N, C-alpha and C. Protein backbone atom coordinates (compact mmCIF):
# COMPACT_ATOMS: atom_id res chain seq x y z
N UNK A 1 99.18 -145.82 -1.36
CA UNK A 1 100.32 -146.56 -1.88
C UNK A 1 101.59 -145.84 -1.44
N UNK A 2 102.44 -146.58 -0.76
CA UNK A 2 103.69 -146.01 -0.26
C UNK A 2 104.83 -146.25 -1.25
N UNK A 3 105.55 -145.20 -1.57
CA UNK A 3 106.81 -145.25 -2.31
C UNK A 3 106.77 -146.05 -3.62
N UNK A 4 105.84 -145.74 -4.56
CA UNK A 4 105.83 -146.45 -5.84
C UNK A 4 106.88 -145.85 -6.78
N UNK A 5 108.11 -145.91 -6.36
CA UNK A 5 109.21 -145.15 -6.98
C UNK A 5 110.30 -146.08 -7.52
N UNK A 6 111.08 -145.54 -8.45
CA UNK A 6 112.08 -146.33 -9.16
C UNK A 6 113.11 -146.94 -8.24
N UNK A 7 113.55 -146.21 -7.22
CA UNK A 7 114.60 -146.75 -6.35
C UNK A 7 114.20 -148.02 -5.64
N UNK A 8 112.92 -148.27 -5.50
CA UNK A 8 112.42 -149.55 -4.97
C UNK A 8 112.04 -150.53 -6.05
N UNK A 9 111.29 -150.10 -7.05
CA UNK A 9 110.55 -151.01 -7.90
C UNK A 9 111.17 -151.27 -9.26
N UNK A 10 112.19 -150.51 -9.60
CA UNK A 10 112.87 -150.71 -10.92
C UNK A 10 114.16 -151.52 -10.70
N UNK A 11 114.47 -152.43 -11.67
CA UNK A 11 115.74 -153.13 -11.57
C UNK A 11 116.93 -152.18 -11.60
N UNK A 12 116.72 -150.96 -12.06
CA UNK A 12 117.81 -149.95 -12.04
C UNK A 12 117.87 -149.18 -10.73
N UNK A 13 116.90 -149.43 -9.84
CA UNK A 13 116.87 -148.72 -8.57
C UNK A 13 117.98 -149.13 -7.63
N UNK A 14 118.32 -148.26 -6.71
CA UNK A 14 119.48 -148.51 -5.84
C UNK A 14 119.27 -149.63 -4.84
N UNK A 15 118.02 -150.02 -4.60
CA UNK A 15 117.78 -151.08 -3.62
C UNK A 15 117.46 -152.46 -4.27
N UNK A 16 117.47 -152.51 -5.60
CA UNK A 16 117.02 -153.73 -6.27
C UNK A 16 117.79 -154.97 -5.79
N UNK A 17 119.04 -154.81 -5.47
CA UNK A 17 119.87 -155.93 -5.04
C UNK A 17 119.32 -156.66 -3.83
N UNK A 18 118.61 -155.94 -2.95
CA UNK A 18 118.07 -156.60 -1.76
C UNK A 18 116.54 -156.80 -1.83
N UNK A 19 115.85 -156.00 -2.63
CA UNK A 19 114.38 -156.13 -2.71
C UNK A 19 113.90 -156.86 -3.96
N UNK A 20 114.78 -157.02 -4.94
CA UNK A 20 114.38 -157.57 -6.23
C UNK A 20 113.78 -158.97 -6.14
N UNK A 21 114.36 -159.82 -5.31
CA UNK A 21 113.84 -161.20 -5.18
C UNK A 21 112.40 -161.19 -4.66
N UNK A 22 112.15 -160.39 -3.62
CA UNK A 22 110.82 -160.34 -3.04
C UNK A 22 109.82 -159.72 -4.01
N UNK A 23 110.22 -158.67 -4.70
CA UNK A 23 109.34 -158.02 -5.66
C UNK A 23 108.98 -158.99 -6.79
N UNK A 24 109.96 -159.74 -7.25
CA UNK A 24 109.76 -160.66 -8.36
C UNK A 24 108.84 -161.81 -7.93
N UNK A 25 109.10 -162.36 -6.76
CA UNK A 25 108.31 -163.51 -6.27
C UNK A 25 106.86 -163.10 -6.01
N UNK A 26 106.65 -161.90 -5.51
CA UNK A 26 105.30 -161.43 -5.19
C UNK A 26 104.58 -160.85 -6.40
N UNK A 27 105.31 -160.59 -7.48
CA UNK A 27 104.78 -159.84 -8.62
C UNK A 27 104.25 -158.47 -8.14
N UNK A 28 105.06 -157.87 -7.30
CA UNK A 28 104.65 -156.62 -6.65
C UNK A 28 104.33 -155.51 -7.65
N UNK A 29 105.19 -155.34 -8.63
CA UNK A 29 104.99 -154.28 -9.62
C UNK A 29 103.65 -154.46 -10.35
N UNK A 30 103.40 -155.70 -10.78
CA UNK A 30 102.16 -155.99 -11.49
C UNK A 30 100.95 -155.83 -10.58
N UNK A 31 101.10 -156.26 -9.34
CA UNK A 31 99.94 -156.20 -8.41
C UNK A 31 99.60 -154.77 -8.01
N UNK A 32 100.60 -153.94 -7.77
CA UNK A 32 100.30 -152.51 -7.54
C UNK A 32 99.63 -151.92 -8.76
N UNK A 33 100.11 -152.31 -9.92
CA UNK A 33 99.46 -151.83 -11.17
C UNK A 33 98.01 -152.26 -11.28
N UNK A 34 97.71 -153.47 -10.84
CA UNK A 34 96.31 -153.93 -10.87
C UNK A 34 95.45 -153.13 -9.94
N UNK A 35 96.02 -152.72 -8.78
CA UNK A 35 95.24 -151.90 -7.82
C UNK A 35 95.02 -150.49 -8.38
N UNK A 36 96.03 -149.92 -9.02
CA UNK A 36 95.85 -148.62 -9.68
C UNK A 36 94.77 -148.75 -10.78
N UNK A 37 94.82 -149.82 -11.52
CA UNK A 37 93.85 -149.98 -12.64
C UNK A 37 92.41 -150.08 -12.12
N UNK A 38 92.19 -150.88 -11.08
CA UNK A 38 90.83 -151.04 -10.59
C UNK A 38 90.34 -149.75 -9.91
N UNK A 39 91.26 -149.00 -9.31
CA UNK A 39 90.88 -147.72 -8.73
C UNK A 39 90.43 -146.76 -9.81
N UNK A 40 91.16 -146.74 -10.91
CA UNK A 40 90.78 -145.90 -12.04
C UNK A 40 89.44 -146.30 -12.62
N UNK A 41 89.26 -147.60 -12.73
CA UNK A 41 88.04 -148.16 -13.30
C UNK A 41 86.78 -147.83 -12.44
N UNK A 42 86.94 -147.91 -11.13
CA UNK A 42 85.80 -147.74 -10.25
C UNK A 42 85.65 -146.31 -9.68
N UNK A 43 86.70 -145.51 -9.82
CA UNK A 43 86.66 -144.18 -9.23
C UNK A 43 87.03 -144.14 -7.76
N UNK A 44 87.64 -145.21 -7.29
CA UNK A 44 88.10 -145.24 -5.89
C UNK A 44 89.23 -144.25 -5.68
N UNK A 45 89.18 -143.45 -4.64
CA UNK A 45 90.23 -142.45 -4.40
C UNK A 45 91.57 -143.14 -4.14
N UNK A 46 92.63 -142.53 -4.65
CA UNK A 46 94.00 -143.06 -4.48
C UNK A 46 94.86 -141.97 -3.87
N UNK A 47 95.67 -142.36 -2.88
CA UNK A 47 96.60 -141.47 -2.22
C UNK A 47 98.00 -142.07 -2.26
N UNK A 48 98.96 -141.26 -2.66
CA UNK A 48 100.37 -141.68 -2.73
C UNK A 48 101.11 -140.99 -1.61
N UNK A 49 101.86 -141.78 -0.82
CA UNK A 49 102.74 -141.21 0.19
C UNK A 49 104.18 -141.49 -0.23
N UNK A 50 104.82 -140.49 -0.87
CA UNK A 50 106.16 -140.72 -1.41
C UNK A 50 107.27 -140.46 -0.41
N UNK A 51 108.45 -140.89 -0.77
CA UNK A 51 109.63 -140.68 0.06
C UNK A 51 110.65 -139.85 -0.76
N UNK A 52 110.96 -138.67 -0.30
CA UNK A 52 111.96 -137.83 -0.98
C UNK A 52 112.95 -137.34 0.06
N UNK A 53 114.19 -137.22 -0.37
CA UNK A 53 115.22 -136.56 0.45
C UNK A 53 115.74 -135.37 -0.35
N UNK A 54 115.74 -134.21 0.27
CA UNK A 54 116.30 -133.02 -0.32
C UNK A 54 117.69 -132.76 0.28
N UNK A 55 118.38 -131.82 -0.27
CA UNK A 55 119.75 -131.59 0.15
C UNK A 55 119.85 -131.24 1.63
N UNK A 56 118.83 -130.53 2.15
CA UNK A 56 118.91 -130.17 3.55
C UNK A 56 118.74 -131.40 4.47
N UNK A 57 118.11 -132.44 3.95
CA UNK A 57 117.97 -133.65 4.76
C UNK A 57 119.30 -134.36 5.00
N UNK A 58 120.25 -134.14 4.13
CA UNK A 58 121.57 -134.76 4.31
C UNK A 58 122.41 -134.07 5.38
N UNK A 59 121.86 -133.04 6.01
CA UNK A 59 122.57 -132.35 7.07
C UNK A 59 122.10 -132.76 8.45
N UNK A 60 121.23 -133.80 8.51
CA UNK A 60 120.73 -134.28 9.80
C UNK A 60 121.92 -134.66 10.70
N UNK A 61 121.75 -134.44 11.99
CA UNK A 61 122.85 -134.69 12.93
C UNK A 61 122.85 -136.12 13.46
N UNK A 62 121.75 -136.85 13.29
CA UNK A 62 121.74 -138.27 13.68
C UNK A 62 120.72 -138.99 12.83
N UNK A 63 120.94 -140.27 12.61
CA UNK A 63 120.09 -141.09 11.73
C UNK A 63 120.05 -142.52 12.25
N UNK A 64 118.98 -143.22 11.91
CA UNK A 64 118.93 -144.66 12.16
C UNK A 64 119.77 -145.38 11.14
N UNK A 65 119.88 -146.68 11.31
CA UNK A 65 120.77 -147.49 10.49
C UNK A 65 120.43 -147.36 8.99
N UNK A 66 119.16 -147.57 8.63
CA UNK A 66 118.80 -147.52 7.23
C UNK A 66 118.69 -146.10 6.70
N UNK A 67 118.41 -145.14 7.55
CA UNK A 67 118.44 -143.73 7.11
C UNK A 67 119.85 -143.39 6.66
N UNK A 68 120.84 -143.81 7.44
CA UNK A 68 122.24 -143.56 7.07
C UNK A 68 122.56 -144.19 5.70
N UNK A 69 122.08 -145.41 5.51
CA UNK A 69 122.33 -146.10 4.21
C UNK A 69 121.62 -145.37 3.09
N UNK A 70 120.35 -145.01 3.28
CA UNK A 70 119.60 -144.34 2.19
C UNK A 70 120.25 -143.02 1.79
N UNK A 71 120.74 -142.29 2.77
CA UNK A 71 121.44 -141.04 2.44
C UNK A 71 122.75 -141.31 1.72
N UNK A 72 123.44 -142.34 2.16
CA UNK A 72 124.75 -142.65 1.55
C UNK A 72 124.63 -143.06 0.08
N UNK A 73 123.54 -143.78 -0.26
CA UNK A 73 123.39 -144.24 -1.64
C UNK A 73 122.56 -143.31 -2.51
N UNK A 74 122.15 -142.19 -1.92
CA UNK A 74 121.39 -141.20 -2.70
C UNK A 74 119.98 -141.63 -3.00
N UNK A 75 119.40 -142.47 -2.15
CA UNK A 75 118.06 -142.99 -2.41
C UNK A 75 117.01 -141.86 -2.31
N UNK A 76 116.15 -141.80 -3.29
CA UNK A 76 115.04 -140.85 -3.37
C UNK A 76 115.51 -139.38 -3.38
N UNK A 77 116.71 -139.15 -3.78
CA UNK A 77 117.25 -137.79 -3.72
C UNK A 77 116.65 -136.88 -4.77
N UNK A 78 116.35 -135.65 -4.35
CA UNK A 78 115.97 -134.55 -5.22
C UNK A 78 116.72 -133.32 -4.77
N UNK A 79 117.06 -132.43 -5.70
CA UNK A 79 117.85 -131.27 -5.32
C UNK A 79 117.14 -130.32 -4.38
N UNK A 80 115.83 -130.22 -4.53
CA UNK A 80 115.10 -129.20 -3.74
C UNK A 80 113.60 -129.51 -3.79
N UNK A 81 112.92 -129.12 -2.73
CA UNK A 81 111.44 -129.25 -2.71
C UNK A 81 110.80 -128.32 -3.71
N UNK A 82 111.55 -127.32 -4.15
CA UNK A 82 110.99 -126.30 -5.06
C UNK A 82 111.48 -126.48 -6.50
N UNK A 83 112.15 -127.60 -6.78
CA UNK A 83 112.81 -127.76 -8.06
C UNK A 83 112.68 -129.20 -8.54
N UNK A 84 112.18 -129.41 -9.74
CA UNK A 84 112.05 -130.75 -10.31
C UNK A 84 113.25 -131.11 -11.23
N UNK A 85 114.27 -130.32 -11.20
CA UNK A 85 115.44 -130.59 -12.02
C UNK A 85 115.99 -132.00 -11.69
N UNK A 86 116.15 -132.79 -12.72
CA UNK A 86 116.71 -134.12 -12.55
C UNK A 86 115.73 -135.15 -12.03
N UNK A 87 114.47 -134.77 -11.82
CA UNK A 87 113.49 -135.70 -11.24
C UNK A 87 113.04 -136.77 -12.24
N UNK A 88 112.74 -136.37 -13.47
CA UNK A 88 112.23 -137.27 -14.49
C UNK A 88 113.19 -138.44 -14.68
N UNK A 89 112.71 -139.67 -14.46
CA UNK A 89 113.50 -140.85 -14.68
C UNK A 89 114.48 -141.16 -13.56
N UNK A 90 114.53 -140.33 -12.52
CA UNK A 90 115.47 -140.57 -11.42
C UNK A 90 114.94 -141.66 -10.50
N UNK A 91 115.72 -142.03 -9.50
CA UNK A 91 115.29 -142.99 -8.51
C UNK A 91 114.11 -142.53 -7.71
N UNK A 92 113.95 -141.19 -7.57
CA UNK A 92 112.83 -140.63 -6.83
C UNK A 92 111.54 -140.58 -7.65
N UNK A 93 111.65 -140.74 -8.97
CA UNK A 93 110.49 -140.62 -9.84
C UNK A 93 109.61 -141.86 -9.72
N UNK A 94 108.34 -141.69 -10.17
CA UNK A 94 107.41 -142.84 -10.20
C UNK A 94 107.88 -143.87 -11.21
N UNK A 95 107.55 -145.13 -10.94
CA UNK A 95 107.74 -146.14 -11.95
C UNK A 95 106.96 -145.72 -13.19
N UNK A 96 107.56 -145.81 -14.36
CA UNK A 96 106.97 -145.25 -15.58
C UNK A 96 105.56 -145.75 -15.83
N UNK A 97 105.30 -147.03 -15.59
CA UNK A 97 103.98 -147.56 -15.93
C UNK A 97 102.88 -147.09 -14.98
N UNK A 98 103.28 -146.51 -13.86
CA UNK A 98 102.28 -145.97 -12.91
C UNK A 98 101.91 -144.53 -13.18
N UNK A 99 102.68 -143.87 -14.01
CA UNK A 99 102.49 -142.42 -14.18
C UNK A 99 101.09 -142.05 -14.69
N UNK A 100 100.51 -142.82 -15.63
CA UNK A 100 99.13 -142.45 -16.06
C UNK A 100 98.12 -142.46 -14.93
N UNK A 101 98.34 -143.30 -13.92
CA UNK A 101 97.42 -143.36 -12.77
C UNK A 101 97.71 -142.29 -11.73
N UNK A 102 99.00 -141.99 -11.53
CA UNK A 102 99.39 -141.02 -10.50
C UNK A 102 99.21 -139.59 -10.98
N UNK A 103 99.47 -139.40 -12.31
CA UNK A 103 99.42 -138.06 -12.88
C UNK A 103 98.14 -137.79 -13.65
N UNK A 104 97.04 -138.33 -13.14
CA UNK A 104 95.75 -138.24 -13.84
C UNK A 104 94.91 -137.06 -13.37
N UNK A 105 95.44 -136.25 -12.46
CA UNK A 105 94.70 -135.10 -11.97
C UNK A 105 93.74 -135.41 -10.86
N UNK A 106 93.61 -136.70 -10.49
CA UNK A 106 92.71 -137.09 -9.42
C UNK A 106 93.45 -137.68 -8.22
N UNK A 107 94.52 -138.38 -8.47
CA UNK A 107 95.29 -139.01 -7.39
C UNK A 107 95.91 -137.95 -6.49
N UNK A 108 95.80 -138.15 -5.20
CA UNK A 108 96.40 -137.24 -4.24
C UNK A 108 97.81 -137.68 -3.90
N UNK A 109 98.80 -136.84 -4.16
CA UNK A 109 100.17 -137.08 -3.80
C UNK A 109 100.48 -136.22 -2.58
N UNK A 110 100.72 -136.86 -1.44
CA UNK A 110 100.95 -136.11 -0.23
C UNK A 110 102.36 -135.51 -0.20
N UNK A 111 102.60 -134.71 0.78
CA UNK A 111 103.96 -134.28 1.01
C UNK A 111 104.80 -135.51 1.40
N UNK A 112 106.11 -135.46 1.24
CA UNK A 112 106.90 -136.67 1.48
C UNK A 112 106.99 -137.05 2.98
N UNK A 113 106.99 -138.35 3.22
CA UNK A 113 107.39 -138.79 4.56
C UNK A 113 108.90 -138.91 4.56
N UNK A 114 109.49 -138.77 5.73
CA UNK A 114 110.95 -138.63 5.80
C UNK A 114 111.68 -139.80 6.40
N UNK A 115 111.00 -140.57 7.22
CA UNK A 115 111.65 -141.76 7.79
C UNK A 115 110.90 -142.98 7.25
N UNK A 116 109.85 -143.41 7.93
CA UNK A 116 109.09 -144.56 7.43
C UNK A 116 107.59 -144.31 7.43
N UNK A 117 107.07 -143.74 8.48
CA UNK A 117 105.62 -143.57 8.61
C UNK A 117 105.13 -142.22 8.13
N UNK A 118 103.81 -142.01 8.14
CA UNK A 118 103.20 -140.78 7.68
C UNK A 118 103.16 -139.67 8.75
N UNK A 119 103.84 -139.87 9.85
CA UNK A 119 103.79 -138.90 10.94
C UNK A 119 104.35 -137.54 10.51
N UNK A 120 105.25 -137.54 9.55
CA UNK A 120 105.88 -136.27 9.10
C UNK A 120 105.29 -135.72 7.81
N UNK A 121 104.18 -136.33 7.31
CA UNK A 121 103.54 -135.76 6.12
C UNK A 121 102.06 -135.53 6.34
N UNK A 122 101.35 -135.19 5.31
CA UNK A 122 99.93 -134.79 5.47
C UNK A 122 98.94 -135.85 5.03
N UNK A 123 99.37 -137.11 5.04
CA UNK A 123 98.47 -138.19 4.57
C UNK A 123 97.19 -138.25 5.44
N UNK A 124 97.35 -138.25 6.75
CA UNK A 124 96.15 -138.39 7.61
C UNK A 124 95.21 -137.17 7.37
N UNK A 125 95.77 -135.99 7.26
CA UNK A 125 94.96 -134.82 6.97
C UNK A 125 94.17 -134.99 5.68
N UNK A 126 94.86 -135.42 4.64
CA UNK A 126 94.22 -135.58 3.33
C UNK A 126 93.11 -136.63 3.36
N UNK A 127 93.37 -137.73 4.07
CA UNK A 127 92.34 -138.77 4.20
C UNK A 127 91.13 -138.26 4.98
N UNK A 128 91.42 -137.60 6.10
CA UNK A 128 90.28 -137.03 6.91
C UNK A 128 89.49 -136.03 6.09
N UNK A 129 90.14 -135.13 5.38
CA UNK A 129 89.45 -134.10 4.60
C UNK A 129 88.60 -134.73 3.48
N UNK A 130 89.01 -135.90 3.02
CA UNK A 130 88.24 -136.60 1.98
C UNK A 130 87.16 -137.48 2.56
N UNK A 131 87.02 -137.48 3.91
CA UNK A 131 85.97 -138.26 4.52
C UNK A 131 86.24 -139.75 4.52
N UNK A 132 87.49 -140.12 4.46
CA UNK A 132 87.84 -141.56 4.35
C UNK A 132 88.23 -142.12 5.71
N UNK A 133 87.68 -143.30 6.05
CA UNK A 133 88.09 -143.95 7.30
C UNK A 133 88.52 -145.39 7.11
N UNK A 134 88.48 -145.87 5.86
CA UNK A 134 88.97 -147.20 5.52
C UNK A 134 90.08 -147.08 4.48
N UNK A 135 91.19 -147.77 4.73
CA UNK A 135 92.36 -147.65 3.83
C UNK A 135 92.79 -149.03 3.38
N UNK A 136 93.02 -149.17 2.09
CA UNK A 136 93.65 -150.36 1.51
C UNK A 136 95.10 -149.97 1.26
N UNK A 137 96.02 -150.64 1.91
CA UNK A 137 97.42 -150.26 1.91
C UNK A 137 98.28 -151.19 1.06
N UNK A 138 99.10 -150.58 0.21
CA UNK A 138 100.06 -151.33 -0.64
C UNK A 138 101.28 -150.44 -0.80
N UNK A 139 102.31 -151.02 -1.43
CA UNK A 139 103.50 -150.23 -1.73
C UNK A 139 104.74 -150.77 -1.06
N UNK A 140 105.78 -149.99 -1.07
CA UNK A 140 107.09 -150.40 -0.56
C UNK A 140 107.46 -149.55 0.67
N UNK A 141 108.33 -150.09 1.44
CA UNK A 141 108.86 -151.43 1.57
C UNK A 141 108.17 -152.10 2.75
N UNK A 142 107.86 -153.36 2.66
CA UNK A 142 106.89 -153.98 3.53
C UNK A 142 107.11 -153.75 5.02
N UNK A 143 108.29 -154.05 5.53
CA UNK A 143 108.51 -153.97 6.97
C UNK A 143 108.98 -152.62 7.42
N UNK A 144 109.09 -151.67 6.46
CA UNK A 144 109.54 -150.34 6.82
C UNK A 144 108.38 -149.34 6.58
N UNK A 145 108.33 -148.72 5.42
CA UNK A 145 107.30 -147.69 5.19
C UNK A 145 105.88 -148.25 5.20
N UNK A 146 105.68 -149.42 4.59
CA UNK A 146 104.32 -149.96 4.55
C UNK A 146 103.82 -150.31 5.93
N UNK A 147 104.63 -151.05 6.68
CA UNK A 147 104.22 -151.40 8.03
C UNK A 147 104.07 -150.18 8.93
N UNK A 148 104.97 -149.21 8.79
CA UNK A 148 104.88 -147.99 9.58
C UNK A 148 103.62 -147.19 9.28
N UNK A 149 103.22 -147.16 7.99
CA UNK A 149 101.99 -146.50 7.62
C UNK A 149 100.78 -147.24 8.23
N UNK A 150 100.83 -148.57 8.15
CA UNK A 150 99.75 -149.33 8.78
C UNK A 150 99.58 -149.00 10.25
N UNK A 151 100.69 -149.02 10.97
CA UNK A 151 100.64 -148.78 12.41
C UNK A 151 100.12 -147.35 12.69
N UNK A 152 100.65 -146.39 12.02
CA UNK A 152 100.25 -145.00 12.28
C UNK A 152 98.78 -144.77 11.94
N UNK A 153 98.33 -145.31 10.82
CA UNK A 153 96.93 -145.12 10.42
C UNK A 153 95.99 -145.77 11.40
N UNK A 154 96.35 -146.96 11.88
CA UNK A 154 95.52 -147.63 12.85
C UNK A 154 95.46 -146.85 14.16
N UNK A 155 96.61 -146.30 14.57
CA UNK A 155 96.62 -145.49 15.79
C UNK A 155 95.80 -144.22 15.63
N UNK A 156 95.66 -143.76 14.36
CA UNK A 156 94.88 -142.54 14.10
C UNK A 156 93.40 -142.86 13.89
N UNK A 157 93.01 -144.11 14.06
CA UNK A 157 91.60 -144.45 13.99
C UNK A 157 91.06 -144.93 12.68
N UNK A 158 91.95 -145.27 11.74
CA UNK A 158 91.50 -145.80 10.43
C UNK A 158 91.40 -147.32 10.50
N UNK A 159 90.51 -147.87 9.70
CA UNK A 159 90.43 -149.32 9.46
C UNK A 159 91.34 -149.61 8.29
N UNK A 160 92.32 -150.49 8.49
CA UNK A 160 93.38 -150.67 7.51
C UNK A 160 93.46 -152.13 7.06
N UNK A 161 93.41 -152.30 5.74
CA UNK A 161 93.66 -153.61 5.11
C UNK A 161 94.99 -153.54 4.38
N UNK A 162 95.78 -154.58 4.44
CA UNK A 162 97.04 -154.66 3.73
C UNK A 162 96.95 -155.70 2.64
N UNK A 163 97.38 -155.32 1.42
CA UNK A 163 97.42 -156.24 0.27
C UNK A 163 98.81 -156.88 0.28
N UNK A 164 98.85 -158.13 0.66
CA UNK A 164 100.12 -158.77 1.02
C UNK A 164 101.08 -159.01 -0.14
N UNK A 165 100.55 -159.15 -1.36
CA UNK A 165 101.46 -159.34 -2.49
C UNK A 165 101.61 -158.08 -3.35
N UNK A 166 101.12 -156.95 -2.82
CA UNK A 166 101.36 -155.66 -3.48
C UNK A 166 102.35 -154.86 -2.67
N UNK A 167 103.21 -155.60 -1.99
CA UNK A 167 104.37 -155.02 -1.27
C UNK A 167 105.47 -156.05 -1.34
N UNK A 168 106.62 -155.73 -0.83
CA UNK A 168 107.78 -156.63 -0.79
C UNK A 168 108.80 -156.03 0.16
N UNK A 169 109.79 -156.82 0.50
CA UNK A 169 110.77 -156.34 1.45
C UNK A 169 112.18 -156.85 1.12
N UNK A 170 113.15 -156.27 1.80
CA UNK A 170 114.53 -156.65 1.63
C UNK A 170 114.79 -158.07 2.13
N UNK A 171 115.57 -158.82 1.39
CA UNK A 171 116.00 -160.14 1.81
C UNK A 171 117.52 -160.18 1.75
N UNK A 172 118.17 -160.45 2.87
CA UNK A 172 119.61 -160.57 2.94
C UNK A 172 119.97 -161.90 3.60
N UNK A 173 121.22 -162.16 3.74
CA UNK A 173 121.64 -163.40 4.38
C UNK A 173 121.27 -163.42 5.86
N UNK A 174 121.02 -162.24 6.44
CA UNK A 174 120.74 -162.16 7.87
C UNK A 174 119.26 -162.04 8.21
N UNK A 175 118.43 -161.56 7.30
CA UNK A 175 117.02 -161.38 7.64
C UNK A 175 116.16 -161.29 6.38
N UNK A 176 114.85 -161.50 6.59
CA UNK A 176 113.87 -161.40 5.50
C UNK A 176 112.83 -160.38 5.96
N UNK A 177 112.91 -159.18 5.44
CA UNK A 177 112.01 -158.10 5.85
C UNK A 177 110.58 -158.38 5.50
N UNK A 178 110.34 -159.04 4.37
CA UNK A 178 108.97 -159.34 3.96
C UNK A 178 108.30 -160.31 4.92
N UNK A 179 109.01 -161.39 5.28
CA UNK A 179 108.41 -162.36 6.21
C UNK A 179 108.13 -161.70 7.56
N UNK A 180 109.05 -160.84 7.99
CA UNK A 180 108.82 -160.14 9.28
C UNK A 180 107.56 -159.29 9.22
N UNK A 181 107.34 -158.60 8.09
CA UNK A 181 106.17 -157.74 7.99
C UNK A 181 104.87 -158.54 7.95
N UNK A 182 104.88 -159.70 7.32
CA UNK A 182 103.65 -160.50 7.24
C UNK A 182 103.14 -160.83 8.62
N UNK A 183 104.05 -161.14 9.55
CA UNK A 183 103.63 -161.45 10.92
C UNK A 183 102.86 -160.28 11.51
N UNK A 184 103.39 -159.08 11.35
CA UNK A 184 102.75 -157.93 11.96
C UNK A 184 101.49 -157.49 11.20
N UNK A 185 101.50 -157.61 9.87
CA UNK A 185 100.27 -157.32 9.14
C UNK A 185 99.14 -158.19 9.65
N UNK A 186 99.43 -159.48 9.83
CA UNK A 186 98.36 -160.41 10.23
C UNK A 186 97.90 -160.21 11.66
N UNK A 187 98.81 -159.69 12.50
CA UNK A 187 98.47 -159.48 13.90
C UNK A 187 97.79 -158.12 14.16
N UNK A 188 98.03 -157.14 13.28
CA UNK A 188 97.63 -155.77 13.58
C UNK A 188 96.53 -155.25 12.65
N UNK A 189 96.63 -155.52 11.36
CA UNK A 189 95.69 -154.97 10.39
C UNK A 189 94.26 -155.52 10.60
N UNK A 190 93.28 -154.78 10.14
CA UNK A 190 91.89 -155.25 10.21
C UNK A 190 91.70 -156.47 9.29
N UNK A 191 92.45 -156.49 8.19
CA UNK A 191 92.33 -157.58 7.22
C UNK A 191 93.57 -157.61 6.38
N UNK A 192 93.96 -158.79 5.93
CA UNK A 192 94.97 -158.93 4.90
C UNK A 192 94.44 -159.87 3.81
N UNK A 193 94.82 -159.60 2.60
CA UNK A 193 94.44 -160.45 1.49
C UNK A 193 95.35 -160.20 0.31
N UNK A 194 95.21 -161.01 -0.74
CA UNK A 194 96.05 -160.84 -1.92
C UNK A 194 95.40 -159.87 -2.89
N UNK A 195 96.13 -159.54 -3.96
CA UNK A 195 95.65 -158.55 -4.89
C UNK A 195 94.42 -159.04 -5.67
N UNK A 196 94.45 -160.29 -6.08
CA UNK A 196 93.31 -160.81 -6.86
C UNK A 196 92.01 -160.66 -6.08
N UNK A 197 91.99 -161.09 -4.83
CA UNK A 197 90.77 -160.97 -4.03
C UNK A 197 90.42 -159.53 -3.72
N UNK A 198 91.41 -158.68 -3.54
CA UNK A 198 91.17 -157.29 -3.27
C UNK A 198 90.55 -156.56 -4.46
N UNK A 199 91.02 -156.86 -5.63
CA UNK A 199 90.45 -156.28 -6.84
C UNK A 199 89.00 -156.68 -6.99
N UNK A 200 88.70 -157.96 -6.75
CA UNK A 200 87.29 -158.42 -6.84
C UNK A 200 86.44 -157.68 -5.81
N UNK A 201 86.98 -157.50 -4.60
CA UNK A 201 86.19 -156.87 -3.53
C UNK A 201 85.96 -155.38 -3.85
N UNK A 202 86.93 -154.73 -4.45
CA UNK A 202 86.77 -153.33 -4.84
C UNK A 202 85.69 -153.21 -5.90
N UNK A 203 85.74 -154.07 -6.91
CA UNK A 203 84.73 -154.01 -7.96
C UNK A 203 83.33 -154.26 -7.41
N UNK A 204 83.23 -155.22 -6.48
CA UNK A 204 81.92 -155.51 -5.85
C UNK A 204 81.44 -154.32 -5.02
N UNK A 205 82.34 -153.66 -4.32
CA UNK A 205 81.97 -152.53 -3.45
C UNK A 205 81.46 -151.35 -4.25
N UNK A 206 82.03 -151.17 -5.45
CA UNK A 206 81.66 -150.00 -6.26
C UNK A 206 80.63 -150.33 -7.33
N UNK A 207 80.18 -151.58 -7.38
CA UNK A 207 79.21 -151.97 -8.40
C UNK A 207 77.87 -151.31 -8.08
N UNK A 208 77.27 -150.73 -9.13
CA UNK A 208 75.98 -150.07 -8.95
C UNK A 208 74.82 -150.90 -9.43
């Protein structure tokens, strides 16, 4: 699950103005919650790839368009990799209703990715060390971090399914990030499906 954090998924988050419509229409928050719930129920391993920016990240000498924006609005900001001061309830924190699933002592929280994909964190290492070669992908934001994770994982040899209504994207007067991502999910991923069918498939796969 990519970026299950307040700055994306909470109405108080800094991006809600552009992602809120897509999240609401897809029922993204509820659907990610359903995936967490069935994973807890069945014992399916869960991996979180979060997005954090520390103070030293704001000293980068060049940035892409949305990196510049994310830094300017303080998105996912934390004071330090070694300090949780101000983390609780911040935009970088987990959505409150997900905390029982993420902080259960079993879920793997990787080091943060810094742009969009997992190339700069240890997600692939953690998956390989756990003997996993199939990934069910959900989270935010559809055409950015979620799509980038899909592409990188596929290039690394994983079989990747994307849960299409457990993600969402920015919608502005100029573009619809969610619609753009659906095209690429359908063309690149091994499979795409909705949350309801995915939950049923997970239960069936783990049924003894």
